[in-house]
N, C-alpha and C. Protein backbone atom coordinates (compact mmCIF):
# COMPACT_ATOMS: atom_id res chain seq x y z
N MET A 1 0.85 -1.18 0.00
CA MET A 1 0.00 0.00 0.00
C MET A 1 0.89 1.24 0.00
N GLU A 2 0.57 2.17 -0.88
CA GLU A 2 1.38 3.38 -0.98
C GLU A 2 1.18 4.27 0.24
N ASN A 3 2.15 5.11 0.49
CA ASN A 3 2.11 6.02 1.62
C ASN A 3 1.44 7.33 1.20
N HIS A 4 0.21 7.53 1.63
CA HIS A 4 -0.54 8.76 1.31
C HIS A 4 -0.92 9.46 2.61
N ARG A 5 -1.11 10.77 2.53
CA ARG A 5 -1.57 11.52 3.71
C ARG A 5 -2.97 11.07 4.10
N SER A 6 -3.80 10.83 3.11
CA SER A 6 -5.13 10.27 3.34
C SER A 6 -5.59 9.65 2.02
N PHE A 7 -6.67 8.91 2.07
CA PHE A 7 -7.21 8.31 0.86
C PHE A 7 -8.45 9.06 0.38
N CYS A 8 -8.53 10.33 0.77
CA CYS A 8 -9.57 11.22 0.26
C CYS A 8 -9.36 11.36 -1.25
N PRO A 9 -10.42 11.26 -2.07
CA PRO A 9 -10.25 11.36 -3.52
C PRO A 9 -9.53 12.63 -3.97
N LEU A 10 -9.83 13.76 -3.35
CA LEU A 10 -9.17 15.00 -3.74
C LEU A 10 -7.70 14.99 -3.32
N ASN A 11 -7.40 14.49 -2.14
CA ASN A 11 -6.01 14.41 -1.69
C ASN A 11 -5.18 13.56 -2.64
N LEU A 12 -5.72 12.43 -3.08
CA LEU A 12 -4.95 11.53 -3.94
C LEU A 12 -4.54 12.21 -5.25
N ILE A 13 -5.44 12.97 -5.86
CA ILE A 13 -5.08 13.66 -7.11
C ILE A 13 -4.14 14.82 -6.84
N VAL A 14 -4.30 15.49 -5.71
CA VAL A 14 -3.40 16.59 -5.36
C VAL A 14 -1.98 16.05 -5.14
N GLU A 15 -1.87 14.88 -4.54
CA GLU A 15 -0.54 14.29 -4.34
C GLU A 15 0.15 13.99 -5.68
N ILE A 16 -0.63 13.67 -6.70
CA ILE A 16 -0.05 13.35 -8.01
C ILE A 16 0.15 14.61 -8.85
N LEU A 17 -0.83 15.50 -8.86
CA LEU A 17 -0.82 16.64 -9.79
C LEU A 17 -0.72 18.00 -9.11
N GLY A 18 -0.49 18.04 -7.81
CA GLY A 18 -0.57 19.27 -7.07
C GLY A 18 0.65 20.17 -7.13
N ASP A 19 1.63 19.85 -7.95
CA ASP A 19 2.78 20.73 -8.07
C ASP A 19 2.54 21.75 -9.18
N ARG A 20 3.48 22.62 -9.37
CA ARG A 20 3.33 23.71 -10.34
C ARG A 20 3.40 23.24 -11.80
N TRP A 21 4.00 22.09 -12.08
CA TRP A 21 4.35 21.75 -13.46
C TRP A 21 3.59 20.57 -14.08
N SER A 22 3.14 19.63 -13.30
CA SER A 22 2.60 18.38 -13.86
C SER A 22 1.44 18.61 -14.82
N LEU A 23 0.49 19.47 -14.45
CA LEU A 23 -0.64 19.73 -15.35
C LEU A 23 -0.18 20.42 -16.63
N LEU A 24 0.85 21.25 -16.54
CA LEU A 24 1.35 21.92 -17.74
C LEU A 24 2.04 20.93 -18.68
N ILE A 25 2.72 19.95 -18.13
CA ILE A 25 3.33 18.90 -18.95
C ILE A 25 2.24 18.12 -19.66
N LEU A 26 1.21 17.73 -18.92
CA LEU A 26 0.09 17.01 -19.53
C LEU A 26 -0.61 17.86 -20.58
N ARG A 27 -0.78 19.15 -20.29
CA ARG A 27 -1.39 20.08 -21.25
C ARG A 27 -0.62 20.06 -22.56
N ASP A 28 0.72 20.20 -22.47
CA ASP A 28 1.53 20.25 -23.68
C ASP A 28 1.49 18.95 -24.45
N MET A 29 1.41 17.83 -23.76
CA MET A 29 1.31 16.55 -24.44
C MET A 29 -0.06 16.38 -25.10
N MET A 30 -1.11 16.78 -24.40
CA MET A 30 -2.46 16.60 -24.92
C MET A 30 -2.81 17.57 -26.04
N PHE A 31 -2.53 18.83 -25.81
CA PHE A 31 -3.06 19.86 -26.70
C PHE A 31 -2.04 20.42 -27.68
N GLU A 32 -0.76 20.20 -27.44
CA GLU A 32 0.27 20.70 -28.35
C GLU A 32 1.08 19.59 -29.00
N GLY A 33 0.78 18.35 -28.65
CA GLY A 33 1.41 17.21 -29.30
C GLY A 33 2.88 17.01 -28.95
N LYS A 34 3.35 17.57 -27.86
CA LYS A 34 4.76 17.41 -27.48
C LYS A 34 4.97 16.00 -26.98
N ARG A 35 6.07 15.37 -27.46
CA ARG A 35 6.31 13.96 -27.12
C ARG A 35 7.72 13.68 -26.65
N ASN A 36 8.64 14.68 -26.70
CA ASN A 36 9.99 14.41 -26.22
C ASN A 36 10.45 15.50 -25.27
N PHE A 37 11.56 15.22 -24.59
CA PHE A 37 12.06 16.09 -23.53
C PHE A 37 12.33 17.51 -24.04
N ARG A 38 12.99 17.61 -25.15
CA ARG A 38 13.33 18.93 -25.70
C ARG A 38 12.07 19.76 -25.98
N GLN A 39 11.06 19.13 -26.55
CA GLN A 39 9.81 19.84 -26.81
C GLN A 39 9.17 20.31 -25.52
N LEU A 40 9.12 19.44 -24.52
CA LEU A 40 8.52 19.79 -23.24
C LEU A 40 9.31 20.89 -22.53
N LEU A 41 10.61 20.87 -22.69
CA LEU A 41 11.47 21.88 -22.08
C LEU A 41 11.19 23.27 -22.63
N GLN A 42 10.63 23.34 -23.82
CA GLN A 42 10.38 24.63 -24.46
C GLN A 42 9.02 25.21 -24.12
N MET A 43 8.39 24.74 -23.06
CA MET A 43 7.08 25.30 -22.70
C MET A 43 7.22 26.78 -22.34
N GLU A 44 6.21 27.52 -22.60
CA GLU A 44 6.21 28.97 -22.40
C GLU A 44 6.52 29.37 -20.96
N GLU A 45 6.19 28.52 -20.00
CA GLU A 45 6.37 28.85 -18.59
C GLU A 45 7.78 28.63 -18.07
N ASN A 46 8.71 28.21 -18.95
CA ASN A 46 10.14 28.09 -18.63
C ASN A 46 10.47 27.11 -17.51
N ILE A 47 10.12 25.88 -17.70
CA ILE A 47 10.47 24.84 -16.74
C ILE A 47 11.96 24.52 -16.86
N GLY A 48 12.61 24.27 -15.76
CA GLY A 48 14.02 23.89 -15.77
C GLY A 48 14.17 22.41 -16.09
N SER A 49 15.31 22.03 -16.64
CA SER A 49 15.50 20.64 -17.07
C SER A 49 15.46 19.65 -15.90
N SER A 50 16.02 20.02 -14.75
CA SER A 50 16.00 19.09 -13.61
C SER A 50 14.59 18.95 -13.06
N VAL A 51 13.82 20.03 -13.07
CA VAL A 51 12.43 19.96 -12.61
C VAL A 51 11.61 19.13 -13.59
N LEU A 52 11.83 19.33 -14.88
CA LEU A 52 11.12 18.55 -15.90
C LEU A 52 11.43 17.06 -15.73
N THR A 53 12.68 16.73 -15.52
CA THR A 53 13.06 15.33 -15.30
C THR A 53 12.31 14.75 -14.11
N ASP A 54 12.29 15.50 -13.01
CA ASP A 54 11.60 15.05 -11.80
C ASP A 54 10.11 14.85 -12.05
N ARG A 55 9.48 15.81 -12.70
CA ARG A 55 8.03 15.73 -12.93
C ARG A 55 7.67 14.62 -13.91
N VAL A 56 8.46 14.46 -14.96
CA VAL A 56 8.20 13.39 -15.92
C VAL A 56 8.32 12.03 -15.22
N ASN A 57 9.33 11.88 -14.38
CA ASN A 57 9.49 10.63 -13.62
C ASN A 57 8.29 10.39 -12.72
N GLY A 58 7.80 11.45 -12.06
CA GLY A 58 6.63 11.32 -11.20
C GLY A 58 5.38 10.95 -11.97
N LEU A 59 5.18 11.55 -13.13
CA LEU A 59 4.02 11.24 -13.95
C LEU A 59 4.09 9.80 -14.47
N GLU A 60 5.30 9.36 -14.77
CA GLU A 60 5.48 7.98 -15.20
C GLU A 60 5.20 7.01 -14.05
N GLN A 61 5.71 7.31 -12.88
CA GLN A 61 5.47 6.46 -11.70
C GLN A 61 3.99 6.39 -11.35
N ALA A 62 3.28 7.50 -11.58
CA ALA A 62 1.84 7.53 -11.30
C ALA A 62 1.03 6.81 -12.38
N GLY A 63 1.69 6.37 -13.45
CA GLY A 63 1.00 5.65 -14.51
C GLY A 63 0.28 6.54 -15.50
N LEU A 64 0.65 7.83 -15.55
CA LEU A 64 -0.01 8.76 -16.45
C LEU A 64 0.68 8.87 -17.80
N MET A 65 1.93 8.43 -17.86
CA MET A 65 2.67 8.45 -19.12
C MET A 65 3.71 7.34 -19.11
N THR A 66 4.19 7.03 -20.29
CA THR A 66 5.24 6.03 -20.46
C THR A 66 6.35 6.63 -21.30
N ARG A 67 7.49 5.98 -21.28
CA ARG A 67 8.60 6.42 -22.13
C ARG A 67 9.12 5.21 -22.90
N VAL A 68 9.54 5.49 -24.14
CA VAL A 68 10.12 4.46 -25.00
C VAL A 68 11.35 5.06 -25.64
N GLN A 69 12.44 4.32 -25.59
CA GLN A 69 13.67 4.80 -26.22
C GLN A 69 13.56 4.67 -27.73
N ASP A 70 13.97 5.71 -28.44
CA ASP A 70 13.95 5.72 -29.89
C ASP A 70 15.02 4.76 -30.39
N PRO A 71 14.66 3.76 -31.19
CA PRO A 71 15.65 2.78 -31.67
C PRO A 71 16.71 3.38 -32.59
N THR A 72 16.43 4.57 -33.16
CA THR A 72 17.38 5.18 -34.08
C THR A 72 18.35 6.14 -33.39
N HIS A 73 18.08 6.46 -32.11
CA HIS A 73 18.92 7.42 -31.41
C HIS A 73 18.94 7.07 -29.92
N LYS A 74 20.11 6.72 -29.40
CA LYS A 74 20.22 6.23 -28.03
C LYS A 74 19.77 7.22 -26.97
N GLN A 75 19.88 8.52 -27.23
CA GLN A 75 19.52 9.50 -26.23
C GLN A 75 18.13 10.09 -26.40
N LYS A 76 17.40 9.65 -27.40
CA LYS A 76 16.07 10.22 -27.66
C LYS A 76 14.99 9.30 -27.06
N ILE A 77 14.14 9.91 -26.27
CA ILE A 77 13.03 9.20 -25.63
C ILE A 77 11.73 9.81 -26.15
N THR A 78 10.77 8.96 -26.42
CA THR A 78 9.44 9.42 -26.79
C THR A 78 8.49 9.12 -25.64
N TYR A 79 7.77 10.14 -25.21
CA TYR A 79 6.80 9.99 -24.13
C TYR A 79 5.41 9.80 -24.73
N SER A 80 4.62 8.98 -24.07
CA SER A 80 3.23 8.76 -24.48
C SER A 80 2.34 8.84 -23.25
N LEU A 81 1.18 9.38 -23.44
CA LEU A 81 0.17 9.37 -22.39
C LEU A 81 -0.41 7.97 -22.29
N THR A 82 -0.78 7.56 -21.11
CA THR A 82 -1.50 6.31 -20.94
C THR A 82 -2.99 6.60 -20.96
N GLU A 83 -3.79 5.56 -20.96
CA GLU A 83 -5.24 5.76 -20.88
C GLU A 83 -5.58 6.52 -19.60
N LYS A 84 -4.91 6.19 -18.51
CA LYS A 84 -5.12 6.87 -17.23
C LYS A 84 -4.80 8.37 -17.36
N GLY A 85 -3.73 8.70 -18.07
CA GLY A 85 -3.38 10.10 -18.29
C GLY A 85 -4.38 10.82 -19.17
N ILE A 86 -4.81 10.17 -20.24
CA ILE A 86 -5.78 10.77 -21.15
C ILE A 86 -7.11 10.99 -20.45
N ASP A 87 -7.45 10.13 -19.50
CA ASP A 87 -8.70 10.28 -18.76
C ASP A 87 -8.73 11.54 -17.90
N LEU A 88 -7.59 12.20 -17.73
CA LEU A 88 -7.55 13.48 -17.01
C LEU A 88 -7.99 14.66 -17.88
N MET A 89 -8.11 14.44 -19.18
CA MET A 89 -8.42 15.53 -20.09
C MET A 89 -9.70 16.30 -19.71
N PRO A 90 -10.80 15.64 -19.38
CA PRO A 90 -12.00 16.42 -19.01
C PRO A 90 -11.76 17.33 -17.80
N MET A 91 -10.99 16.86 -16.83
CA MET A 91 -10.70 17.68 -15.66
C MET A 91 -9.86 18.90 -16.05
N ILE A 92 -8.88 18.68 -16.92
CA ILE A 92 -8.02 19.79 -17.37
C ILE A 92 -8.85 20.79 -18.16
N ILE A 93 -9.74 20.31 -19.00
CA ILE A 93 -10.60 21.21 -19.78
C ILE A 93 -11.52 21.99 -18.84
N GLU A 94 -12.05 21.35 -17.81
CA GLU A 94 -12.91 22.06 -16.85
C GLU A 94 -12.11 23.14 -16.11
N ALA A 95 -10.86 22.85 -15.77
CA ALA A 95 -10.02 23.86 -15.12
C ALA A 95 -9.78 25.04 -16.06
N MET A 96 -9.54 24.74 -17.34
CA MET A 96 -9.36 25.83 -18.32
C MET A 96 -10.65 26.61 -18.50
N LYS A 97 -11.77 25.91 -18.47
CA LYS A 97 -13.08 26.56 -18.60
C LYS A 97 -13.29 27.56 -17.46
N TRP A 98 -12.93 27.17 -16.25
CA TRP A 98 -13.03 28.06 -15.10
C TRP A 98 -12.16 29.29 -15.31
N SER A 99 -10.94 29.05 -15.80
CA SER A 99 -10.00 30.15 -16.02
C SER A 99 -10.52 31.11 -17.09
N VAL A 100 -11.06 30.58 -18.17
CA VAL A 100 -11.63 31.43 -19.24
C VAL A 100 -12.77 32.28 -18.68
N LYS A 101 -13.55 31.70 -17.78
CA LYS A 101 -14.69 32.42 -17.22
C LYS A 101 -14.27 33.51 -16.22
N TYR A 102 -13.26 33.23 -15.40
CA TYR A 102 -12.97 34.12 -14.28
C TYR A 102 -11.64 34.88 -14.35
N GLU A 103 -10.75 34.51 -15.22
CA GLU A 103 -9.43 35.13 -15.25
C GLU A 103 -9.20 35.85 -16.58
N ALA A 104 -8.15 36.64 -16.64
CA ALA A 104 -7.83 37.45 -17.83
C ALA A 104 -7.03 36.63 -18.84
N VAL A 105 -7.67 35.64 -19.43
CA VAL A 105 -7.02 34.79 -20.43
C VAL A 105 -6.82 35.60 -21.71
N ASP A 106 -5.66 35.47 -22.32
CA ASP A 106 -5.40 36.08 -23.63
C ASP A 106 -6.11 35.22 -24.67
N ARG A 107 -7.33 35.57 -24.98
CA ARG A 107 -8.17 34.74 -25.85
C ARG A 107 -7.65 34.65 -27.29
N GLU A 108 -6.90 35.62 -27.71
CA GLU A 108 -6.35 35.58 -29.06
C GLU A 108 -5.15 34.64 -29.12
N LYS A 109 -4.22 34.81 -28.20
CA LYS A 109 -3.01 33.99 -28.18
C LYS A 109 -3.34 32.51 -27.92
N TYR A 110 -4.32 32.26 -27.07
CA TYR A 110 -4.67 30.89 -26.69
C TYR A 110 -6.00 30.46 -27.31
N LYS A 111 -6.25 30.95 -28.51
CA LYS A 111 -7.50 30.67 -29.21
C LYS A 111 -7.81 29.17 -29.32
N PRO A 112 -6.85 28.31 -29.68
CA PRO A 112 -7.19 26.88 -29.76
C PRO A 112 -7.70 26.30 -28.43
N ALA A 113 -7.08 26.71 -27.32
CA ALA A 113 -7.53 26.22 -26.01
C ALA A 113 -8.91 26.76 -25.68
N VAL A 114 -9.12 28.05 -25.93
CA VAL A 114 -10.42 28.66 -25.66
C VAL A 114 -11.48 28.00 -26.54
N ASP A 115 -11.18 27.79 -27.80
CA ASP A 115 -12.12 27.14 -28.71
C ASP A 115 -12.48 25.74 -28.23
N LEU A 116 -11.49 24.99 -27.75
CA LEU A 116 -11.76 23.64 -27.25
C LEU A 116 -12.67 23.68 -26.03
N VAL A 117 -12.41 24.61 -25.14
CA VAL A 117 -13.24 24.77 -23.95
C VAL A 117 -14.69 25.07 -24.35
N LEU A 118 -14.86 25.94 -25.33
CA LEU A 118 -16.19 26.36 -25.74
C LEU A 118 -16.87 25.37 -26.70
N ALA A 119 -16.09 24.46 -27.29
CA ALA A 119 -16.62 23.54 -28.31
C ALA A 119 -17.58 22.52 -27.72
N GLY A 120 -17.39 22.17 -26.48
CA GLY A 120 -18.31 21.23 -25.85
C GLY A 120 -17.85 19.80 -25.88
N PRO A 121 -18.67 18.94 -25.31
CA PRO A 121 -18.29 17.54 -25.07
C PRO A 121 -17.95 16.73 -26.33
N GLU A 122 -18.63 16.97 -27.43
CA GLU A 122 -18.38 16.15 -28.62
C GLU A 122 -16.97 16.38 -29.17
N ALA A 123 -16.55 17.63 -29.26
CA ALA A 123 -15.20 17.94 -29.73
C ALA A 123 -14.16 17.40 -28.76
N GLN A 124 -14.45 17.47 -27.48
CA GLN A 124 -13.53 16.97 -26.47
C GLN A 124 -13.43 15.44 -26.52
N ARG A 125 -14.55 14.77 -26.76
CA ARG A 125 -14.56 13.31 -26.91
C ARG A 125 -13.74 12.90 -28.14
N LYS A 126 -13.87 13.66 -29.21
CA LYS A 126 -13.11 13.38 -30.44
C LYS A 126 -11.61 13.52 -30.18
N LEU A 127 -11.21 14.55 -29.46
CA LEU A 127 -9.80 14.73 -29.12
C LEU A 127 -9.31 13.57 -28.25
N ALA A 128 -10.10 13.15 -27.29
CA ALA A 128 -9.72 12.02 -26.44
C ALA A 128 -9.50 10.76 -27.28
N GLN A 129 -10.35 10.53 -28.26
CA GLN A 129 -10.19 9.37 -29.14
C GLN A 129 -8.91 9.47 -29.97
N GLU A 130 -8.61 10.68 -30.46
CA GLU A 130 -7.37 10.88 -31.22
C GLU A 130 -6.14 10.63 -30.34
N LEU A 131 -6.19 11.09 -29.09
CA LEU A 131 -5.08 10.87 -28.17
C LEU A 131 -4.89 9.39 -27.86
N LEU A 132 -5.99 8.67 -27.67
CA LEU A 132 -5.90 7.23 -27.42
C LEU A 132 -5.23 6.51 -28.59
N GLN A 133 -5.63 6.89 -29.79
CA GLN A 133 -5.03 6.27 -30.98
C GLN A 133 -3.55 6.59 -31.09
N LYS A 134 -3.20 7.86 -30.89
CA LYS A 134 -1.82 8.31 -31.07
C LYS A 134 -0.89 7.80 -29.96
N HIS A 135 -1.34 7.86 -28.71
CA HIS A 135 -0.47 7.55 -27.59
C HIS A 135 -0.55 6.10 -27.13
N VAL A 136 -1.75 5.52 -27.14
CA VAL A 136 -1.93 4.16 -26.65
C VAL A 136 -1.95 3.16 -27.80
N GLY A 137 -2.30 3.67 -28.99
CA GLY A 137 -2.33 2.80 -30.16
C GLY A 137 -3.60 1.98 -30.27
N LYS A 138 -4.65 2.41 -29.57
CA LYS A 138 -5.90 1.68 -29.61
C LYS A 138 -7.06 2.65 -29.74
N THR A 139 -8.16 2.13 -30.29
CA THR A 139 -9.38 2.92 -30.35
C THR A 139 -10.16 2.75 -29.06
N VAL A 140 -11.15 3.59 -28.84
CA VAL A 140 -12.00 3.47 -27.66
C VAL A 140 -12.67 2.10 -27.64
N GLU A 141 -13.10 1.62 -28.79
CA GLU A 141 -13.77 0.33 -28.87
C GLU A 141 -12.83 -0.80 -28.43
N GLU A 142 -11.58 -0.74 -28.87
CA GLU A 142 -10.62 -1.77 -28.48
C GLU A 142 -10.35 -1.75 -26.98
N LEU A 143 -10.27 -0.56 -26.39
CA LEU A 143 -10.05 -0.46 -24.95
C LEU A 143 -11.26 -0.97 -24.17
N ASN A 144 -12.46 -0.76 -24.71
CA ASN A 144 -13.67 -1.22 -24.02
C ASN A 144 -13.83 -2.74 -24.08
N GLU A 145 -13.18 -3.39 -25.03
CA GLU A 145 -13.26 -4.86 -25.16
C GLU A 145 -12.50 -5.56 -24.04
N VAL A 146 -11.51 -4.90 -23.48
CA VAL A 146 -10.66 -5.54 -22.47
C VAL A 146 -11.39 -5.73 -21.17
């Protein structure tokens, strides 16, 4: 049994995602298609390489992403979201929806994110299906068969 402060549902997610960077890493993987360390390092919020390494390791340990070494380059790693990681997308979209409603979001600069928030459940479901195919290599139907 893992060592948690409590088994409250909110506490458990805060223990995994409650730092400054984890949600931003997931955001970049989900909505910007970033799949390697260098791409993630270039996030607008200026994450440091040692912090990125730590957070990526934590997300991997939590089962939200996996890493695979590129067979053509010994130092290149490709990260993929897991089904568990992709299942966080509705929560992330709801958090962005709250921010669009209450905070001074630059709606022009972040138009794709704002559009996704406003597009509704069908567009979000379609994106989730695309992520499952790209990162997990399976369709929703194939995952439901298991």
